Amino acid sequence: MAALGTLHRPPPASSVTHHIFASRVLLLLTALPLALASLAFVLQWRGGVDDPASRWPAADARMFPGMGNSPLSSSASPVPSVAARSASDCVEILGGSSLPSFPYYRGWKFDLDKDLKPKICITTSTSAGLDQILPWLFYHKVIGVSQFLLFVEGKAAKPHVSAVLESIPGYKSYTEPENWRRNKQKGFFYKPCNYELFVKQSLNMEMAIVMARNARMDWIIHLDTDELIHPAGAEEYSLTRLLSDVPANADMVIFPNYESGVERDDIKDPFSEVSMFKKNYDHLPRETYFGMYKEAARGNPNYFLTYGNGKSAARIQDHLRPNGAHRWHNYMKIPNEIKLDEAAVLHYTYPKFSDLTSRRDRCGCKPTKEDVKRCFMLDFDRNAFIIASTATEEEMLRWYNEHVVWTDKRLNLKLLRKGILTRIYAPMAIVQALRESGVLSSAIAAAQVPSEEKLNSPNQNLQNKTSALPDLSVGASKKARTRGSENTSQATARKIMEVAGGTESAVPPLSPPGLDDLRMFWLN
């Protein structure tokens, strides 16, 4: 009984107090989150807490450079409801798709060029059609480019293409002058295909410098129409913001290039279908680059299919000149250049199967290992030309899948995890939105003209422009320029061809570092 009484003895008062305190603390911890959640719900329901997205002004605040209210929504009711306006914005930006939106702009109106600082000019030499030029051009308008100087031939010089492009503000095009074609046969262009293109690009860049300076541009970039600038690292997805942050003493900015990795052999629209890219050597740790080199090259001659030395932007100033298609230089000094750590040029390399035959059809070389060296600077281009010239379509497709298409998903995942490959979605989203919002189709529709006379007028305008080439002598940009005679134009063209043709140190397209450079890496 004594033992039983001991078992049922009531607990001490201190133990009871401890249990009561623990119960109250547990109750408080349970009730507090519920109370805070209820308070937040009540405040939001009453309008006391703003949704962060609602803090943007309803119209033009935080836009992409060069963009304003959408012209597509201007025909709607004058004062739409909040819900209707929100739905309209979503449709305008994404066209009803599930793509990520960009909340710091409204609409697709490109009318803010006068407010863009710094002013950026892109120049190119192209024979592409509207299907490639239009998305390329409007994408760069979205990220803040003010002016486009295109030197056109082939499809790009057709009257209907010229009519569309000439209707776009900030765009100017020039056809290849007849006297260039005559001089080309006299030895100025002594090698065909890629070598000829390289010289023509240098000549066109010489003229573009003067034209951009006359238009009071601040920066000039040479870019092909299969390349998009990816302004990563800026506070906004904006090339103007990126270049405005460049130190004032920098003369040139190097954009390392990334190379597209297509995952299908039926790509039709590379800019809106390709999201995987192979990073440049400059944006990778050396151990990763050389350690994964063979797997990344996949049996091809080099790490990249084509060039790996990037593109550059130059600050427009006295004595500026091109140094090949990839760099700029100065007659009077060595430019102070910086290389960007995040921004890149996205090079869409052989993204379509048809690129094999289109390149073949533009070049008259013999499909032999010796003759292709006369036509192409890079090994992969040579191999691709031989295959396209000698194989059946079935054999070409098999070769294309083995050497260009990234079909091995396990390897893709491994290289993505290692950082060799990366996914970049912003250009894809912008180009798809441009298509779905009707910007590209509207540009074509706006240029439709009823009469044959109007149809031919843009081509005539191009001929007038090419007959008045600017004076490209050093310091000539400070002089007043008038439309010169044909003799003056020919003399100017001859002069710049002599300058460009005689520049032995011009930077050509170069392959990225190979395994032969691994020894130098370990020595350093």
Protein backbone atom coordinates (compact mmCIF):
# COMPACT_ATOMS: atom_id res chain seq x y z
CA MET A 1 0.00 0.00 0.00
CA ALA A 2 2.86 2.33 0.77
CA ALA A 3 4.36 1.60 -2.55
CA LEU A 4 1.02 2.13 -4.31
CA GLY A 5 0.57 5.43 -2.58
CA THR A 6 3.94 6.51 -3.74
CA LEU A 7 3.02 5.74 -7.36
CA HIS A 8 -0.08 7.94 -7.26
CA ARG A 9 1.51 10.85 -5.46
CA PRO A 10 0.60 14.13 -7.33
CA PRO A 11 3.44 15.79 -9.28
CA PRO A 12 5.23 18.77 -7.78
CA ALA A 13 3.87 22.26 -8.46
CA SER A 14 6.96 23.20 -10.54
CA SER A 15 6.32 20.34 -12.99
CA VAL A 16 2.71 21.43 -13.51
CA THR A 17 3.81 24.99 -14.18
CA HIS A 18 6.34 23.76 -16.75
CA HIS A 19 3.69 21.76 -18.65
CA ILE A 20 1.28 24.71 -18.69
CA PHE A 21 3.98 27.02 -20.05
CA ALA A 22 4.95 24.54 -22.80
CA SER A 23 1.30 24.17 -23.84
CA ARG A 24 0.83 27.92 -24.12
CA VAL A 25 4.00 28.33 -26.19
CA LEU A 26 2.83 25.56 -28.53
CA LEU A 27 -0.57 27.24 -28.87
CA LEU A 28 1.06 30.60 -29.61
CA LEU A 29 3.33 29.09 -32.30
CA THR A 30 0.31 27.47 -33.92
CA ALA A 31 -1.93 30.51 -33.79
CA LEU A 32 0.62 33.14 -34.84
CA PRO A 33 1.10 31.96 -38.47
CA LEU A 34 -2.63 31.60 -38.88
CA ALA A 35 -3.18 35.12 -37.57
CA LEU A 36 -0.52 36.60 -39.85
CA ALA A 37 -1.94 34.77 -42.88
CA SER A 38 -5.42 36.04 -42.07
CA LEU A 39 -4.16 39.61 -41.63
CA ALA A 40 -2.33 39.48 -45.00
CA PHE A 41 -5.47 38.17 -46.71
CA VAL A 42 -7.62 40.94 -45.22
CA LEU A 43 -5.13 43.66 -46.14
CA GLN A 44 -4.78 42.42 -49.70
CA TRP A 45 -8.54 42.07 -50.09
CA ARG A 46 -8.97 45.67 -48.91
CA GLY A 47 -6.17 46.94 -51.20
CA GLY A 48 -3.69 47.55 -48.38
CA VAL A 49 -0.85 45.54 -49.98
CA ASP A 50 0.05 46.06 -53.63
CA ASP A 51 0.87 43.24 -55.98
CA PRO A 52 4.49 43.98 -57.11
CA ALA A 53 3.42 43.69 -60.76
CA SER A 54 0.82 46.42 -60.22
CA ARG A 55 3.51 48.91 -59.21
CA TRP A 56 4.55 49.38 -62.84
CA PRO A 57 2.81 52.31 -64.49
CA ALA A 58 0.05 51.36 -66.84
CA ALA A 59 1.80 52.67 -69.91
CA ASP A 60 5.42 53.17 -70.87
CA ALA A 61 7.40 52.77 -67.65
CA ARG A 62 10.37 50.37 -67.62
CA MET A 63 10.03 49.59 -71.32
CA PHE A 64 12.48 47.83 -73.53
CA PRO A 65 14.43 50.59 -75.24
CA GLY A 66 12.72 51.65 -78.43
CA MET A 67 9.27 50.51 -77.40
CA GLY A 68 6.08 52.32 -76.46
CA ASN A 69 2.36 51.68 -76.37
CA SER A 70 1.31 48.91 -78.70
CA PRO A 71 -0.21 50.05 -81.99
CA LEU A 72 -2.23 46.87 -81.95
CA SER A 73 -4.22 48.01 -78.95
CA SER A 74 -4.80 51.58 -80.13
CA SER A 75 -7.78 50.57 -82.21
CA ALA A 76 -9.60 49.19 -79.19
CA SER A 77 -11.93 51.10 -76.92
CA PRO A 78 -10.49 54.44 -75.72
CA VAL A 79 -10.71 53.58 -72.01
CA PRO A 80 -10.59 49.80 -71.55
CA SER A 81 -11.25 48.26 -68.18
CA VAL A 82 -8.38 47.10 -65.99
CA ALA A 83 -9.16 43.47 -66.68
CA ALA A 84 -9.44 44.04 -70.42
CA ARG A 85 -6.20 46.01 -70.50
CA SER A 86 -4.39 43.30 -68.54
CA ALA A 87 -5.66 40.59 -70.88
CA SER A 88 -4.73 42.69 -73.90
CA ASP A 89 -1.19 43.17 -72.59
CA CYS A 90 -0.77 39.43 -72.20
CA VAL A 91 -1.98 38.78 -75.71
CA GLU A 92 0.25 41.48 -77.15
CA ILE A 93 3.35 40.25 -75.40
CA LEU A 94 2.95 36.51 -75.75
CA GLY A 95 0.18 36.04 -78.26
CA GLY A 96 -1.65 33.65 -75.96
CA SER A 97 1.40 31.40 -75.52
CA SER A 98 2.91 30.13 -72.28
CA LEU A 99 6.25 31.91 -72.78
CA PRO A 100 7.73 34.02 -69.97
CA SER A 101 6.79 37.66 -70.19
CA PHE A 102 8.96 40.74 -69.81
CA PRO A 103 7.15 43.00 -67.29
CA TYR A 104 9.16 46.17 -67.91
CA TYR A 105 7.61 47.21 -71.21
CA ARG A 106 4.18 47.60 -72.73
CA GLY A 107 3.48 46.95 -76.37
CA TRP A 108 5.58 46.78 -79.51
CA LYS A 109 5.77 50.36 -80.78
CA PHE A 110 9.27 51.36 -81.84
CA ASP A 111 9.16 55.15 -81.62
CA LEU A 112 11.62 56.07 -78.86
CA ASP A 113 14.83 56.16 -80.90
CA LYS A 114 15.41 59.81 -80.05
CA ASP A 115 15.50 58.92 -76.35
CA LEU A 116 17.96 56.03 -76.65
CA LYS A 117 21.39 56.70 -75.15
CA PRO A 118 23.92 55.70 -76.30
CA LYS A 119 22.93 55.43 -79.96
CA ILE A 120 23.96 52.13 -81.50
CA CYS A 121 24.37 51.21 -85.15
CA ILE A 122 24.55 47.66 -86.52
CA THR A 123 25.98 47.04 -89.98
CA THR A 124 25.97 43.83 -92.00
CA SER A 125 26.52 42.41 -95.48
CA THR A 126 23.79 39.96 -96.39
CA SER A 127 22.04 38.05 -99.13
CA ALA A 128 19.32 36.64 -96.83
CA GLY A 129 15.58 36.94 -97.34
CA LEU A 130 12.89 38.59 -95.24
CA ASP A 131 12.32 35.42 -93.21
CA GLN A 132 15.75 35.91 -91.65
CA ILE A 133 16.31 39.67 -91.81
CA LEU A 134 13.01 40.83 -90.27
CA PRO A 135 13.19 38.93 -86.94
CA TRP A 136 16.91 39.73 -86.72
CA LEU A 137 16.27 43.44 -87.23
CA PHE A 138 13.27 43.81 -84.91
CA TYR A 139 14.93 41.75 -82.17
CA HIS A 140 17.79 44.21 -82.11
CA LYS A 141 15.33 47.11 -82.13
CA VAL A 142 13.81 45.60 -78.99
CA ILE A 143 17.15 45.64 -77.17
CA GLY A 144 17.87 49.24 -78.17
CA VAL A 145 19.61 49.47 -81.57
CA SER A 146 18.85 52.77 -83.33
CA GLN A 147 20.21 52.33 -86.85
CA PHE A 148 20.80 49.47 -89.31
CA LEU A 149 23.11 49.77 -92.32
CA LEU A 150 22.70 46.78 -94.62
CA PHE A 151 24.82 46.10 -97.68
CA VAL A 152 22.65 43.77 -99.72
CA GLU A 153 22.86 41.37 -102.63
CA GLY A 154 20.99 38.24 -103.71
CA LYS A 155 17.58 37.83 -102.07
CA ALA A 156 18.12 40.88 -99.88
CA ALA A 157 18.43 43.12 -102.97
CA LYS A 158 15.15 42.00 -104.57
CA PRO A 159 12.67 44.87 -105.10
CA HIS A 160 9.93 43.41 -102.87
CA VAL A 161 12.42 42.78 -100.05
CA SER A 162 13.86 46.27 -100.41
CA ALA A 163 10.36 47.77 -100.30
CA VAL A 164 9.65 46.12 -96.94
CA LEU A 165 12.99 46.96 -95.37
CA GLU A 166 13.04 50.57 -96.58
CA SER A 167 9.69 51.16 -94.84
CA ILE A 168 11.23 50.41 -91.42
CA PRO A 169 12.49 53.48 -89.51
CA GLY A 170 16.21 53.43 -88.82
CA TYR A 171 16.97 51.11 -91.74
CA LYS A 172 19.18 51.95 -94.73
CA SER A 173 20.40 49.55 -97.41
CA TYR A 174 23.01 49.74 -100.13
CA THR A 175 23.64 47.42 -103.07
CA GLU A 176 27.08 46.41 -104.23
CA PRO A 177 28.36 49.09 -106.66
CA GLU A 178 28.96 48.06 -110.26
CA ASN A 179 32.57 49.31 -110.15
CA TRP A 180 33.26 46.94 -107.23
CA ARG A 181 32.13 44.05 -109.39
CA ARG A 182 34.40 45.21 -112.21
CA ASN A 183 37.39 45.66 -109.92
CA LYS A 184 36.70 42.30 -108.33
CA GLN A 185 37.67 40.71 -111.66
CA LYS A 186 40.92 42.68 -111.72
CA GLY A 187 42.42 41.00 -108.70
CA PHE A 188 41.05 42.92 -105.72
CA PHE A 189 39.09 39.81 -104.74
CA TYR A 190 41.71 37.20 -105.46
CA LYS A 191 40.01 34.30 -103.66
CA PRO A 192 36.38 33.14 -103.94
CA CYS A 193 33.63 32.30 -101.44
CA ASN A 194 34.46 33.10 -97.80
CA TYR A 195 37.58 35.04 -98.67
CA GLU A 196 35.64 37.24 -101.08
CA LEU A 197 32.95 37.80 -98.45
CA PHE A 198 35.60 38.73 -95.88
CA VAL A 199 36.99 41.48 -98.14
CA LYS A 200 33.52 42.81 -99.02
CA GLN A 201 32.62 42.97 -95.35
CA SER A 202 35.72 45.06 -94.68
CA LEU A 203 34.86 47.45 -97.50
CA ASN A 204 31.29 47.81 -96.28
CA MET A 205 32.44 48.40 -92.72
CA GLU A 206 34.64 51.25 -93.94
CA MET A 207 31.61 52.99 -95.43
CA ALA A 208 29.41 52.17 -92.45
CA ILE A 209 31.78 53.99 -90.08
CA VAL A 210 31.31 57.26 -91.96
CA MET A 211 27.56 56.81 -92.36
CA ALA A 212 27.11 56.02 -88.67
CA ARG A 213 29.19 59.02 -87.70
CA ASN A 214 27.13 61.29 -89.94
CA ALA A 215 24.02 59.94 -88.20
CA ARG A 216 25.62 60.79 -84.82
CA MET A 217 25.78 57.21 -83.61
CA ASP A 218 27.91 56.44 -80.56
CA TRP A 219 28.70 52.76 -81.17
CA ILE A 220 28.97 50.54 -84.25
CA ILE A 221 28.77 46.74 -84.39
CA HIS A 222 29.33 44.43 -87.35
CA LEU A 223 26.96 41.48 -87.08
CA ASP A 224 25.79 38.80 -89.51
CA THR A 225 22.09 38.12 -89.95
CA ASP A 226 22.49 34.66 -88.36
CA GLU A 227 23.71 36.26 -85.11
CA LEU A 228 21.88 37.89 -82.20
CA ILE A 229 23.41 39.95 -79.40
CA HIS A 230 22.61 38.58 -75.94
CA PRO A 231 23.08 41.51 -73.50
CA ALA A 232 23.41 39.41 -70.36
CA GLY A 233 24.89 41.12 -67.33
CA ALA A 234 22.98 44.39 -67.72
CA GLU A 235 20.31 45.49 -65.25
CA GLU A 236 17.77 45.21 -68.05
CA TYR A 237 17.79 43.02 -71.15
CA SER A 238 19.09 46.00 -73.07
CA LEU A 239 22.12 46.63 -75.25
CA THR A 240 21.88 50.37 -74.57
CA ARG A 241 22.07 49.75 -70.83
CA LEU A 242 24.97 47.36 -71.31
CA LEU A 243 27.04 49.81 -73.37
CA SER A 244 26.12 52.78 -71.20
CA ASP A 245 27.88 51.01 -68.31
CA VAL A 246 31.12 50.59 -70.29
CA PRO A 247 33.99 52.73 -68.91
CA ALA A 248 34.53 55.98 -70.83
CA ASN A 249 38.11 55.06 -71.71
CA ALA A 250 37.08 51.83 -73.49
CA ASP A 251 37.31 52.04 -77.29
CA MET A 252 36.11 48.53 -78.10
CA VAL A 253 33.94 45.92 -76.40
CA ILE A 254 34.44 42.22 -77.21
CA PHE A 255 31.39 39.95 -77.23
CA PRO A 256 32.50 36.29 -77.05
CA ASN A 257 30.32 34.16 -79.30
CA TYR A 258 28.18 31.18 -78.31
CA GLU A 259 27.27 28.58 -80.93
CA SER A 260 23.78 27.18 -81.38
CA GLY A 261 23.12 23.54 -80.60
CA VAL A 262 20.13 22.41 -82.65
CA GLU A 263 18.32 19.37 -81.30
CA ARG A 264 16.29 18.50 -84.42
CA ASP A 265 17.03 18.30 -88.11
CA ASP A 266 13.78 19.97 -89.15
CA ILE A 267 14.30 23.49 -87.73
CA LYS A 268 12.47 26.11 -89.79
CA ASP A 269 12.84 29.28 -87.70
CA PRO A 270 16.09 29.10 -85.70
CA PHE A 271 15.59 32.33 -83.74
CA SER A 272 12.35 31.05 -82.19
CA GLU A 273 13.12 27.31 -82.04
CA VAL A 274 16.67 27.06 -80.71
CA SER A 275 17.45 27.59 -77.02
CA MET A 276 20.61 25.53 -76.43
CA PHE A 277 24.04 27.09 -76.97
CA LYS A 278 27.65 26.05 -76.48
CA LYS A 279 29.60 28.53 -74.40
CA ASN A 280 32.75 30.28 -75.53
CA TYR A 281 36.16 29.40 -74.15
CA ASP A 282 36.34 32.87 -72.58
CA HIS A 283 33.28 32.14 -70.43
CA LEU A 284 34.47 28.76 -69.11
CA PRO A 285 37.09 27.59 -66.59
CA ARG A 286 40.06 26.26 -68.53
CA GLU A 287 39.93 22.91 -66.70
CA THR A 288 36.31 22.44 -67.79
CA TYR A 289 36.98 23.52 -71.37
CA PHE A 290 39.95 21.27 -72.03
CA GLY A 291 38.64 18.46 -69.83
CA MET A 292 35.39 18.20 -71.82
CA TYR A 293 36.84 19.22 -75.20
CA LYS A 294 36.54 15.87 -77.01
CA GLU A 295 33.01 15.24 -75.82
CA ALA A 296 31.97 18.80 -76.71
CA ALA A 297 33.54 18.60 -80.19
CA ARG A 298 31.72 15.30 -80.96
CA GLY A 299 34.18 14.24 -83.64
CA ASN A 300 34.24 17.58 -85.46
CA PRO A 301 37.51 19.35 -86.29
CA ASN A 302 37.17 21.93 -83.51
CA TYR A 303 35.24 22.80 -80.35
CA PHE A 304 33.01 25.13 -82.41
CA LEU A 305 31.85 24.24 -85.90
CA THR A 306 32.96 27.65 -87.17
CA TYR A 307 34.62 30.72 -85.64
CA GLY A 308 35.27 31.26 -81.94
CA ASN A 309 36.82 34.72 -81.68
CA GLY A 310 33.56 36.63 -81.15
CA LYS A 311 32.43 40.00 -82.49
CA SER A 312 33.01 43.53 -81.22
CA ALA A 313 31.42 46.93 -80.74
CA ALA A 314 33.52 50.05 -81.37
CA ARG A 315 33.04 53.52 -80.00
CA ILE A 316 32.76 55.85 -83.01
CA GLN A 317 35.70 58.27 -83.00
CA ASP A 318 38.42 59.74 -85.20
CA HIS A 319 40.55 57.33 -87.26
CA LEU A 320 38.33 54.29 -86.61
CA ARG A 321 38.66 51.51 -89.18
CA PRO A 322 37.69 47.82 -89.50
CA ASN A 323 40.20 45.13 -88.67
CA GLY A 324 38.46 42.27 -90.42
CA ALA A 325 34.83 41.35 -89.81
CA HIS A 326 35.40 40.52 -86.14
CA ARG A 327 37.35 43.50 -84.81
CA TRP A 328 37.90 47.24 -85.20
CA HIS A 329 41.10 49.22 -85.05
CA ASN A 330 42.35 52.79 -85.15
CA TYR A 331 44.81 54.39 -87.52
CA MET A 332 46.41 56.45 -84.76
CA LYS A 333 46.42 54.29 -81.63
CA ILE A 334 45.96 50.81 -80.22
CA PRO A 335 42.32 50.65 -79.05
CA ASN A 336 41.64 50.06 -75.39
CA GLU A 337 39.38 47.00 -75.41
CA ILE A 338 37.42 45.15 -72.75
CA LYS A 339 35.88 41.70 -72.92
CA LEU A 340 32.46 41.12 -71.39
CA ASP A 341 32.04 38.37 -68.78
CA GLU A 342 28.39 37.53 -69.45
CA ALA A 343 27.12 39.15 -72.66
CA ALA A 344 27.63 37.21 -75.88
CA VAL A 345 26.87 36.99 -79.58
CA LEU A 346 24.61 34.02 -80.28
CA HIS A 347 25.73 32.45 -83.56
CA TYR A 348 23.09 30.23 -85.16
CA THR A 349 25.50 27.94 -87.02
CA TYR A 350 24.04 25.63 -89.70
CA PRO A 351 20.73 25.60 -87.80
CA LYS A 352 18.75 24.33 -90.82
CA PHE A 353 19.52 21.29 -92.93
CA SER A 354 19.06 23.44 -96.02
CA ASP A 355 22.08 25.53 -94.96
CA LEU A 356 24.31 22.78 -96.32
CA THR A 357 23.04 23.15 -99.88
CA SER A 358 22.54 26.93 -99.78
CA ARG A 359 26.21 27.47 -98.94
CA ARG A 360 27.19 25.01 -101.63
CA ASP A 361 25.12 26.83 -104.23
CA ARG A 362 26.80 30.17 -103.44
CA CYS A 363 30.29 28.84 -104.11
CA GLY A 364 31.81 27.59 -107.35
CA CYS A 365 34.77 25.68 -105.92
CA LYS A 366 35.55 22.06 -106.73
CA PRO A 367 34.63 19.60 -103.93
CA THR A 368 38.21 18.48 -103.34
CA LYS A 369 40.30 18.82 -100.19
CA GLU A 370 42.79 21.04 -101.95
CA ASP A 371 40.37 23.35 -103.74
CA VAL A 372 38.14 23.98 -100.72
CA LYS A 373 41.13 25.50 -98.93
CA ARG A 374 41.00 28.20 -101.57
CA CYS A 375 37.34 28.93 -100.72
CA PHE A 376 36.85 28.42 -96.98
CA MET A 377 38.90 29.48 -93.97
CA LEU A 378 37.58 26.94 -91.44
CA ASP A 379 37.76 23.14 -91.51
CA PHE A 380 34.10 22.42 -90.83
CA ASP A 381 32.96 24.69 -93.67
CA ARG A 382 35.28 22.78 -96.01
CA ASN A 383 33.94 19.39 -94.90
CA ALA A 384 30.33 20.58 -95.16
CA PHE A 385 30.89 21.86 -98.70
CA ILE A 386 32.39 18.55 -99.85
CA ILE A 387 29.52 16.54 -98.34
CA ALA A 388 26.89 18.85 -99.85
CA SER A 389 28.57 18.60 -103.26
CA THR A 390 29.14 14.84 -103.43
CA ALA A 391 26.60 13.02 -101.22
CA THR A 392 22.98 12.08 -101.80
CA GLU A 393 20.30 13.88 -99.79
CA GLU A 394 19.93 10.84 -97.52
CA GLU A 395 23.68 10.75 -96.89
CA MET A 396 23.72 14.51 -96.27
CA LEU A 397 20.92 14.20 -93.71
CA ARG A 398 22.76 11.41 -91.90
CA TRP A 399 25.98 13.44 -91.86
CA TYR A 400 24.07 16.53 -90.65
CA ASN A 401 22.58 14.58 -87.73
CA GLU A 402 25.97 13.13 -86.77
CA HIS A 403 27.92 16.39 -86.88
CA VAL A 404 25.45 19.24 -86.27
CA VAL A 405 22.32 17.97 -84.47
CA TRP A 406 22.60 17.25 -80.74
CA THR A 407 20.60 14.01 -80.61
CA ASP A 408 22.32 12.41 -77.59
CA LYS A 409 20.20 13.64 -74.68
CA ARG A 410 22.45 12.02 -72.10
CA LEU A 411 25.48 13.88 -73.45
CA ASN A 412 23.47 17.10 -73.65
CA LEU A 413 22.48 16.81 -69.99
CA LYS A 414 26.06 16.06 -68.95
CA LEU A 415 27.43 19.09 -70.80
CA LEU A 416 24.64 21.29 -69.45
CA ARG A 417 25.56 20.25 -65.91
CA LYS A 418 29.24 20.93 -66.59
CA GLY A 419 28.41 24.39 -67.96
CA ILE A 420 29.66 23.71 -71.50
CA LEU A 421 26.11 24.00 -72.82
CA THR A 422 23.56 26.51 -71.59
CA ARG A 423 19.91 27.35 -72.18
CA ILE A 424 19.08 30.90 -73.28
CA TYR A 425 15.37 31.65 -73.74
CA ALA A 426 15.10 35.45 -73.97
CA PRO A 427 15.79 35.77 -77.74
CA MET A 428 13.39 32.92 -78.47
CA ALA A 429 10.67 34.56 -76.39
CA ILE A 430 11.17 37.97 -78.00
CA VAL A 431 11.15 36.66 -81.58
CA GLN A 432 8.12 34.46 -80.97
CA ALA A 433 6.30 37.41 -79.42
CA LEU A 434 7.22 39.61 -82.39
CA ARG A 435 5.69 37.05 -84.72
CA GLU A 436 2.57 36.37 -82.66
CA SER A 437 1.85 40.05 -82.03
CA GLY A 438 1.87 40.75 -85.77
CA VAL A 439 4.89 43.07 -85.83
CA LEU A 440 6.67 41.17 -88.60
CA SER A 441 3.59 40.62 -90.75
CA SER A 442 2.57 44.26 -90.26
CA ALA A 443 5.96 45.40 -91.57
CA ILE A 444 5.38 43.37 -94.73
CA ALA A 445 1.80 44.59 -95.13
CA ALA A 446 2.79 48.23 -94.63
CA ALA A 447 5.16 48.05 -97.58
CA GLN A 448 2.63 46.67 -100.07
CA VAL A 449 2.25 49.12 -102.96
CA PRO A 450 -0.38 48.96 -105.71
CA SER A 451 1.54 50.15 -108.75
CA GLU A 452 4.51 48.72 -110.61
CA GLU A 453 6.15 52.15 -110.50
CA LYS A 454 6.12 52.21 -106.69
CA LEU A 455 7.32 48.64 -106.57
CA ASN A 456 10.42 49.51 -108.53
CA SER A 457 11.16 52.76 -106.71
CA PRO A 458 12.97 51.26 -103.67
CA ASN A 459 15.43 49.50 -105.95
CA GLN A 460 16.00 52.77 -107.79
CA ASN A 461 16.62 54.48 -104.48
CA LEU A 462 19.23 51.86 -103.66
CA GLN A 463 21.04 52.52 -106.91
CA ASN A 464 21.04 56.24 -106.13
CA LYS A 465 22.53 55.59 -102.73
CA THR A 466 25.33 53.40 -104.03
CA SER A 467 26.26 55.98 -106.65
CA ALA A 468 27.05 58.43 -103.84
CA LEU A 469 29.54 56.56 -101.69
CA PRO A 470 30.96 58.72 -98.89
CA ASP A 471 34.52 59.98 -98.83
CA LEU A 472 36.35 57.51 -96.61
CA SER A 473 39.70 59.24 -96.35
CA VAL A 474 41.09 59.85 -92.87
CA GLY A 475 39.45 62.91 -91.38
CA ALA A 476 36.90 63.14 -94.17
CA SER A 477 34.02 62.66 -91.75
CA LYS A 478 34.65 66.20 -90.55
CA LYS A 479 34.06 67.69 -93.99
CA ALA A 480 30.83 68.61 -95.65
CA ARG A 481 29.83 65.86 -98.11
CA THR A 482 27.78 66.20 -101.25
CA ARG A 483 26.73 63.70 -103.88
CA GLY A 484 29.84 63.14 -106.02
CA SER A 485 30.25 62.14 -109.61
CA GLU A 486 30.68 58.56 -110.77
CA ASN A 487 34.43 59.09 -111.15
CA THR A 488 34.73 60.26 -107.53
CA SER A 489 32.68 57.27 -106.37
CA GLN A 490 34.90 54.84 -108.28
CA ALA A 491 38.08 56.46 -106.95
CA THR A 492 36.78 56.16 -103.39
CA ALA A 493 35.85 52.53 -103.90
CA ARG A 494 39.29 51.77 -105.33
CA LYS A 495 40.95 53.48 -102.37
CA ILE A 496 39.11 51.56 -99.68
CA MET A 497 39.65 48.29 -101.54
CA GLU A 498 43.37 48.98 -101.55
CA VAL A 499 43.27 49.69 -97.81
CA ALA A 500 41.19 46.62 -96.98
CA GLY A 501 43.00 44.35 -99.40
CA GLY A 502 46.40 45.42 -98.17
CA THR A 503 45.70 44.88 -94.48
CA GLU A 504 47.58 41.65 -93.80
CA SER A 505 46.94 41.86 -90.05
CA ALA A 506 43.13 41.88 -90.37
CA VAL A 507 41.57 39.47 -87.87
CA PRO A 508 39.90 36.58 -89.76
CA PRO A 509 37.35 34.14 -88.30
CA LEU A 510 39.39 31.94 -85.95
CA SER A 511 38.62 28.59 -84.36
CA PRO A 512 38.62 28.48 -80.55
CA PRO A 513 41.63 26.95 -78.73
CA GLY A 514 42.16 23.24 -79.52
CA LEU A 515 43.87 20.35 -77.81
CA ASP A 516 47.14 21.50 -79.37
CA ASP A 517 46.86 24.52 -77.07
CA LEU A 518 46.53 22.30 -73.99
CA ARG A 519 50.32 22.20 -73.51
CA MET A 520 50.43 26.00 -73.46
CA PHE A 521 47.64 25.94 -70.87
CA TRP A 522 49.63 23.73 -68.49
CA LEU A 523 52.79 25.79 -69.03
CA ASN A 524 50.90 28.93 -68.02
